């Protein structure tokens, strides 16, 4: 299983954390997403090797946050 770590910007509260988590879990091929509000990070476990970091970033950006690969 492949893991991608992301920096997430713009999260201010638990609701934000929930939005980012749901966005990441909504990407096909994502098995798990652990979002840490205090650290501004996400650890995403993929069950398909062909899921791109760009797809994960795009899902987060569509929710109104910023994201980049750590």
PDB file of N, CA and C in Angstrom:
ATOM      1  N   UNK A   1       0.848  -1.180   0.000  1.00  0.00           N
ATOM      2  CA  UNK A   1       0.000   0.000   0.000  1.00  0.00           C
ATOM      3  C   UNK A   1       0.892   1.241   0.000  1.00  0.00           C
ATOM      4  N   UNK A   2       0.598   2.153  -0.880  1.00  0.00           N
ATOM      5  CA  UNK A   2       1.361   3.392  -1.014  1.00  0.00           C
ATOM      6  C   UNK A   2       0.790   4.456  -0.073  1.00  0.00           C
ATOM      7  N   UNK A   3       1.669   5.288   0.494  1.00  0.00           N
ATOM      8  CA  UNK A   3       1.266   6.376   1.377  1.00  0.00           C
ATOM      9  C   UNK A   3       1.753   7.695   0.813  1.00  0.00           C
ATOM     10  N   UNK A   4       0.880   8.701   0.847  1.00  0.00           N
ATOM     11  CA  UNK A   4       1.218  10.053   0.408  1.00  0.00           C
ATOM     12  C   UNK A   4       0.986  10.988   1.583  1.00  0.00           C
ATOM     13  N   UNK A   5       1.975  11.841   1.867  1.00  0.00           N
ATOM     14  CA  UNK A   5       1.840  12.845   2.934  1.00  0.00           C
ATOM     15  C   UNK A   5       1.637  14.211   2.294  1.00  0.00           C
ATOM     16  N   UNK A   6       0.671  14.940   2.795  1.00  0.00           N
ATOM     17  CA  UNK A   6       0.341  16.253   2.252  1.00  0.00           C
ATOM     18  C   UNK A   6       0.391  17.321   3.329  1.00  0.00           C
ATOM     19  N   UNK A   7       0.821  18.515   2.947  1.00  0.00           N
ATOM     20  CA  UNK A   7       0.633  19.725   3.755  1.00  0.00           C
ATOM     21  C   UNK A   7      -0.733  20.265   3.371  1.00  0.00           C
ATOM     22  N   UNK A   8      -1.537  20.615   4.356  1.00  0.00           N
ATOM     23  CA  UNK A   8      -2.862  21.171   4.098  1.00  0.00           C
ATOM     24  C   UNK A   8      -2.918  22.560   4.720  1.00  0.00           C
ATOM     25  N   UNK A   9      -3.305  23.542   3.933  1.00  0.00           N
ATOM     26  CA  UNK A   9      -3.405  24.908   4.428  1.00  0.00           C
ATOM     27  C   UNK A   9      -4.845  25.378   4.485  1.00  0.00           C
ATOM     28  N   UNK A  10      -5.142  26.233   5.457  1.00  0.00           N
ATOM     29  CA  UNK A  10      -6.445  26.855   5.547  1.00  0.00           C
ATOM     30  C   UNK A  10      -7.409  26.194   6.516  1.00  0.00           C
ATOM     31  N   UNK A  11      -7.001  25.102   7.152  1.00  0.00           N
ATOM     32  CA  UNK A  11      -7.882  24.455   8.131  1.00  0.00           C
ATOM     33  C   UNK A  11      -7.839  25.237   9.441  1.00  0.00           C
ATOM     34  N   UNK A  12      -9.031  25.536   9.979  1.00  0.00           N
ATOM     35  CA  UNK A  12      -9.112  26.314  11.212  1.00  0.00           C
ATOM     36  C   UNK A  12      -9.831  25.577  12.340  1.00  0.00           C
ATOM     37  N   UNK A  13     -10.603  24.540  12.004  1.00  0.00           N
ATOM     38  CA  UNK A  13     -11.427  23.891  13.027  1.00  0.00           C
ATOM     39  C   UNK A  13     -11.689  22.434  12.652  1.00  0.00           C
ATOM     40  N   UNK A  14     -12.398  21.742  13.526  1.00  0.00           N
ATOM     41  CA  UNK A  14     -12.710  20.339  13.271  1.00  0.00           C
ATOM     42  C   UNK A  14     -13.587  20.163  12.035  1.00  0.00           C
ATOM     43  N   UNK A  15     -14.441  21.130  11.755  1.00  0.00           N
ATOM     44  CA  UNK A  15     -15.271  21.042  10.555  1.00  0.00           C
ATOM     45  C   UNK A  15     -14.395  21.060   9.301  1.00  0.00           C
ATOM     46  N   UNK A  16     -13.371  21.901   9.311  1.00  0.00           N
ATOM     47  CA  UNK A  16     -12.434  21.950   8.190  1.00  0.00           C
ATOM     48  C   UNK A  16     -11.752  20.594   8.019  1.00  0.00           C
ATOM     49  N   UNK A  17     -11.308  20.042   9.125  1.00  0.00           N
ATOM     50  CA  UNK A  17     -10.674  18.723   9.114  1.00  0.00           C
ATOM     51  C   UNK A  17     -11.608  17.689   8.486  1.00  0.00           C
ATOM     52  N   UNK A  18     -12.878  17.762   8.835  1.00  0.00           N
ATOM     53  CA  UNK A  18     -13.869  16.846   8.271  1.00  0.00           C
ATOM     54  C   UNK A  18     -14.046  17.021   6.779  1.00  0.00           C
ATOM     55  N   UNK A  19     -14.065  18.276   6.318  1.00  0.00           N
ATOM     56  CA  UNK A  19     -14.193  18.547   4.878  1.00  0.00           C
ATOM     57  C   UNK A  19     -13.017  17.944   4.110  1.00  0.00           C
ATOM     58  N   UNK A  20     -11.817  18.151   4.630  1.00  0.00           N
ATOM     59  CA  UNK A  20     -10.614  17.645   3.954  1.00  0.00           C
ATOM     60  C   UNK A  20     -10.608  16.116   3.971  1.00  0.00           C
ATOM     61  N   UNK A  21     -10.963  15.533   5.095  1.00  0.00           N
ATOM     62  CA  UNK A  21     -10.993  14.073   5.193  1.00  0.00           C
ATOM     63  C   UNK A  21     -11.976  13.485   4.187  1.00  0.00           C
ATOM     64  N   UNK A  22     -13.185  14.027   4.130  1.00  0.00           N
ATOM     65  CA  UNK A  22     -14.189  13.526   3.188  1.00  0.00           C
ATOM     66  C   UNK A  22     -13.742  13.712   1.746  1.00  0.00           C
ATOM     67  N   UNK A  23     -13.093  14.835   1.452  1.00  0.00           N
ATOM     68  CA  UNK A  23     -12.617  15.079   0.086  1.00  0.00           C
ATOM     69  C   UNK A  23     -11.586  14.028  -0.312  1.00  0.00           C
ATOM     70  N   UNK A  24     -10.658  13.745   0.592  1.00  0.00           N
ATOM     71  CA  UNK A  24      -9.626  12.762   0.280  1.00  0.00           C
ATOM     72  C   UNK A  24     -10.208  11.359   0.146  1.00  0.00           C
ATOM     73  N   UNK A  25     -11.120  11.000   1.037  1.00  0.00           N
ATOM     74  CA  UNK A  25     -11.741   9.676   0.969  1.00  0.00           C
ATOM     75  C   UNK A  25     -12.615   9.516  -0.273  1.00  0.00           C
ATOM     76  N   UNK A  26     -13.033  10.636  -0.846  1.00  0.00           N
ATOM     77  CA  UNK A  26     -13.845  10.604  -2.053  1.00  0.00           C
ATOM     78  C   UNK A  26     -13.062  10.334  -3.324  1.00  0.00           C
ATOM     79  N   UNK A  27     -11.745  10.361  -3.240  1.00  0.00           N
ATOM     80  CA  UNK A  27     -10.910  10.084  -4.413  1.00  0.00           C
ATOM     81  C   UNK A  27     -10.830   8.571  -4.590  1.00  0.00           C
ATOM     82  N   UNK A  28     -11.162   8.098  -5.778  1.00  0.00           N
ATOM     83  CA  UNK A  28     -11.107   6.661  -6.063  1.00  0.00           C
ATOM     84  C   UNK A  28      -9.696   6.137  -5.828  1.00  0.00           C
ATOM     85  N   UNK A  29      -9.607   5.043  -5.084  1.00  0.00           N
ATOM     86  CA  UNK A  29      -8.315   4.442  -4.799  1.00  0.00           C
ATOM     87  C   UNK A  29      -7.742   4.799  -3.443  1.00  0.00           C
ATOM     88  N   UNK A  30      -8.418   5.688  -2.703  1.00  0.00           N
ATOM     89  CA  UNK A  30      -7.961   6.049  -1.357  1.00  0.00           C
ATOM     90  C   UNK A  30      -8.559   5.063  -0.355  1.00  0.00           C
ATOM     91  N   UNK A  31      -7.695   4.416   0.410  1.00  0.00           N
ATOM     92  CA  UNK A  31      -8.135   3.448   1.411  1.00  0.00           C
ATOM     93  C   UNK A  31      -8.388   4.112   2.758  1.00  0.00           C
ATOM     94  N   UNK A  32      -7.584   5.110   3.105  1.00  0.00           N
ATOM     95  CA  UNK A  32      -7.693   5.768   4.404  1.00  0.00           C
ATOM     96  C   UNK A  32      -7.057   7.149   4.318  1.00  0.00           C
ATOM     97  N   UNK A  33      -7.572   8.081   5.098  1.00  0.00           N
ATOM     98  CA  UNK A  33      -7.000   9.428   5.169  1.00  0.00           C
ATOM     99  C   UNK A  33      -7.022   9.878   6.615  1.00  0.00           C
ATOM    100  N   UNK A  34      -5.851  10.214   7.137  1.00  0.00           N
ATOM    101  CA  UNK A  34      -5.733  10.711   8.507  1.00  0.00           C
ATOM    102  C   UNK A  34      -5.291  12.168   8.431  1.00  0.00           C
ATOM    103  N   UNK A  35      -6.199  13.076   8.777  1.00  0.00           N
ATOM    104  CA  UNK A  35      -5.926  14.508   8.706  1.00  0.00           C
ATOM    105  C   UNK A  35      -5.656  15.021  10.115  1.00  0.00           C
ATOM    106  N   UNK A  36      -4.560  15.750  10.269  1.00  0.00           N
ATOM    107  CA  UNK A  36      -4.182  16.302  11.571  1.00  0.00           C
ATOM    108  C   UNK A  36      -4.301  17.822  11.510  1.00  0.00           C
ATOM    109  N   UNK A  37      -5.322  18.329  12.180  1.00  0.00           N
ATOM    110  CA  UNK A  37      -5.611  19.762  12.174  1.00  0.00           C
ATOM    111  C   UNK A  37      -4.451  20.572  12.720  1.00  0.00           C
ATOM    112  N   UNK A  38      -3.925  20.176  13.871  1.00  0.00           N
ATOM    113  CA  UNK A  38      -2.881  20.945  14.545  1.00  0.00           C
ATOM    114  C   UNK A  38      -1.595  21.018  13.720  1.00  0.00           C
ATOM    115  N   UNK A  39      -1.293  19.950  13.009  1.00  0.00           N
ATOM    116  CA  UNK A  39      -0.067  19.903  12.206  1.00  0.00           C
ATOM    117  C   UNK A  39      -0.276  20.417  10.785  1.00  0.00           C
ATOM    118  N   UNK A  40      -1.523  20.480  10.348  1.00  0.00           N
ATOM    119  CA  UNK A  40      -1.815  20.891   8.983  1.00  0.00           C
ATOM    120  C   UNK A  40      -1.320  19.879   7.965  1.00  0.00           C
ATOM    121  N   UNK A  41      -1.503  18.596   8.301  1.00  0.00           N
ATOM    122  CA  UNK A  41      -1.030  17.539   7.411  1.00  0.00           C
ATOM    123  C   UNK A  41      -2.115  16.492   7.195  1.00  0.00           C
ATOM    124  N   UNK A  42      -1.889  15.680   6.179  1.00  0.00           N
ATOM    125  CA  UNK A  42      -2.740  14.522   5.928  1.00  0.00           C
ATOM    126  C   UNK A  42      -1.848  13.371   5.496  1.00  0.00           C
ATOM    127  N   UNK A  43      -2.134  12.205   6.017  1.00  0.00           N
ATOM    128  CA  UNK A  43      -1.468  10.982   5.587  1.00  0.00           C
ATOM    129  C   UNK A  43      -2.532  10.156   4.878  1.00  0.00           C
ATOM    130  N   UNK A  44      -2.307   9.895   3.601  1.00  0.00           N
ATOM    131  CA  UNK A  44      -3.299   9.231   2.771  1.00  0.00           C
ATOM    132  C   UNK A  44      -2.745   7.879   2.329  1.00  0.00           C
ATOM    133  N   UNK A  45      -3.487   6.822   2.650  1.00  0.00           N
ATOM    134  CA  UNK A  45      -3.104   5.477   2.236  1.00  0.00           C
ATOM    135  C   UNK A  45      -3.895   5.111   0.989  1.00  0.00           C
ATOM    136  N   UNK A  46      -3.186   4.659  -0.028  1.00  0.00           N
ATOM    137  CA  UNK A  46      -3.800   4.338  -1.309  1.00  0.00           C
ATOM    138  C   UNK A  46      -3.847   2.831  -1.503  1.00  0.00           C
ATOM    139  N   UNK A  47      -4.958   2.331  -2.024  1.00  0.00           N
ATOM    140  CA  UNK A  47      -5.013   0.912  -2.338  1.00  0.00           C
ATOM    141  C   UNK A  47      -4.789   0.646  -3.823  1.00  0.00           C
ATOM    142  N   UNK A  48      -4.551   1.721  -4.578  1.00  0.00           N
ATOM    143  CA  UNK A  48      -4.192   1.609  -5.991  1.00  0.00           C
ATOM    144  C   UNK A  48      -2.958   2.466  -6.245  1.00  0.00           C
ATOM    145  N   UNK A  49      -1.957   1.892  -6.876  1.00  0.00           N
ATOM    146  CA  UNK A  49      -0.710   2.609  -7.143  1.00  0.00           C
ATOM    147  C   UNK A  49      -0.878   3.745  -8.158  1.00  0.00           C
ATOM    148  N   UNK A  50      -1.953   3.687  -8.950  1.00  0.00           N
ATOM    149  CA  UNK A  50      -2.109   4.674 -10.020  1.00  0.00           C
ATOM    150  C   UNK A  50      -2.802   5.962  -9.573  1.00  0.00           C
ATOM    151  N   UNK A  51      -3.125   6.102  -8.289  1.00  0.00           N
ATOM    152  CA  UNK A  51      -3.707   7.355  -7.784  1.00  0.00           C
ATOM    153  C   UNK A  51      -2.585   8.387  -7.691  1.00  0.00           C
ATOM    154  N   UNK A  52      -2.791   9.533  -8.314  1.00  0.00           N
ATOM    155  CA  UNK A  52      -1.743  10.549  -8.325  1.00  0.00           C
ATOM    156  C   UNK A  52      -1.901  11.516  -7.160  1.00  0.00           C
ATOM    157  N   UNK A  53      -0.785  12.079  -6.751  1.00  0.00           N
ATOM    158  CA  UNK A  53      -0.808  13.117  -5.719  1.00  0.00           C
ATOM    159  C   UNK A  53      -1.605  14.314  -6.221  1.00  0.00           C
ATOM    160  N   UNK A  54      -1.563  14.563  -7.515  1.00  0.00           N
ATOM    161  CA  UNK A  54      -2.303  15.682  -8.098  1.00  0.00           C
ATOM    162  C   UNK A  54      -3.807  15.508  -7.899  1.00  0.00           C
ATOM    163  N   UNK A  55      -4.305  14.279  -7.991  1.00  0.00           N
ATOM    164  CA  UNK A  55      -5.734  14.021  -7.780  1.00  0.00           C
ATOM    165  C   UNK A  55      -6.121  14.316  -6.333  1.00  0.00           C
ATOM    166  N   UNK A  56      -5.244  13.971  -5.402  1.00  0.00           N
ATOM    167  CA  UNK A  56      -5.496  14.250  -3.994  1.00  0.00           C
ATOM    168  C   UNK A  56      -5.509  15.753  -3.738  1.00  0.00           C
ATOM    169  N   UNK A  57      -4.527  16.447  -4.295  1.00  0.00           N
ATOM    170  CA  UNK A  57      -4.435  17.898  -4.131  1.00  0.00           C
ATOM    171  C   UNK A  57      -5.662  18.579  -4.725  1.00  0.00           C
ATOM    172  N   UNK A  58      -6.071  18.136  -5.898  1.00  0.00           N
ATOM    173  CA  UNK A  58      -7.233  18.729  -6.557  1.00  0.00           C
ATOM    174  C   UNK A  58      -8.490  18.569  -5.700  1.00  0.00           C
ATOM    175  N   UNK A  59      -8.664  17.419  -5.071  1.00  0.00           N
ATOM    176  CA  UNK A  59      -9.829  17.185  -4.217  1.00  0.00           C
ATOM    177  C   UNK A  59      -9.840  18.151  -3.037  1.00  0.00           C
ATOM    178  N   UNK A  60      -8.676  18.394  -2.453  1.00  0.00           N
ATOM    179  CA  UNK A  60      -8.567  19.316  -1.312  1.00  0.00           C
ATOM    180  C   UNK A  60      -8.826  20.756  -1.768  1.00  0.00           C
ATOM    181  N   UNK A  61      -8.246  21.138  -2.878  1.00  0.00           N
ATOM    182  CA  UNK A  61      -8.410  22.502  -3.404  1.00  0.00           C
ATOM    183  C   UNK A  61      -9.874  22.773  -3.742  1.00  0.00           C
ATOM    184  N   UNK A  62     -10.581  21.769  -4.268  1.00  0.00           N
ATOM    185  CA  UNK A  62     -11.998  21.939  -4.589  1.00  0.00           C
ATOM    186  C   UNK A  62     -12.829  22.241  -3.343  1.00  0.00           C
ATOM    187  N   UNK A  63     -12.344  21.850  -2.182  1.00  0.00           N
ATOM    188  CA  UNK A  63     -13.028  22.135  -0.916  1.00  0.00           C
ATOM    189  C   UNK A  63     -12.642  23.504  -0.348  1.00  0.00           C
ATOM    190  N   UNK A  64     -11.701  24.187  -0.993  1.00  0.00           N
ATOM    191  CA  UNK A  64     -11.334  25.537  -0.564  1.00  0.00           C
ATOM    192  C   UNK A  64     -10.080  25.630   0.271  1.00  0.00           C
ATOM    193  N   UNK A  65      -9.287  24.574   0.298  1.00  0.00           N
ATOM    194  CA  UNK A  65      -8.035  24.551   1.089  1.00  0.00           C
ATOM    195  C   UNK A  65      -6.859  24.427   0.127  1.00  0.00           C
ATOM    196  N   UNK A  66      -5.671  24.600   0.643  1.00  0.00           N
ATOM    197  CA  UNK A  66      -4.481  24.405  -0.177  1.00  0.00           C
ATOM    198  C   UNK A  66      -3.826  23.088   0.217  1.00  0.00           C
ATOM    199  N   UNK A  67      -3.074  22.529  -0.715  1.00  0.00           N
ATOM    200  CA  UNK A  67      -2.404  21.264  -0.441  1.00  0.00           C
ATOM    201  C   UNK A  67      -1.150  21.160  -1.284  1.00  0.00           C
ATOM    202  N   UNK A  68      -0.143  20.499  -0.723  1.00  0.00           N
ATOM    203  CA  UNK A  68       1.083  20.195  -1.448  1.00  0.00           C
ATOM    204  C   UNK A  68       1.672  18.924  -0.855  1.00  0.00           C
ATOM    205  N   UNK A  69       2.491  18.260  -1.643  1.00  0.00           N
ATOM    206  CA  UNK A  69       3.117  17.021  -1.188  1.00  0.00           C
ATOM    207  C   UNK A  69       4.262  17.369  -0.251  1.00  0.00           C
ATOM    208  N   UNK A  70       4.348  16.643   0.867  1.00  0.00           N
ATOM    209  CA  UNK A  70       5.469  16.815   1.816  1.00  0.00           C
ATOM    210  C   UNK A  70       6.709  16.166   1.264  1.00  0.00           C
TER     211      UNK A  70
END
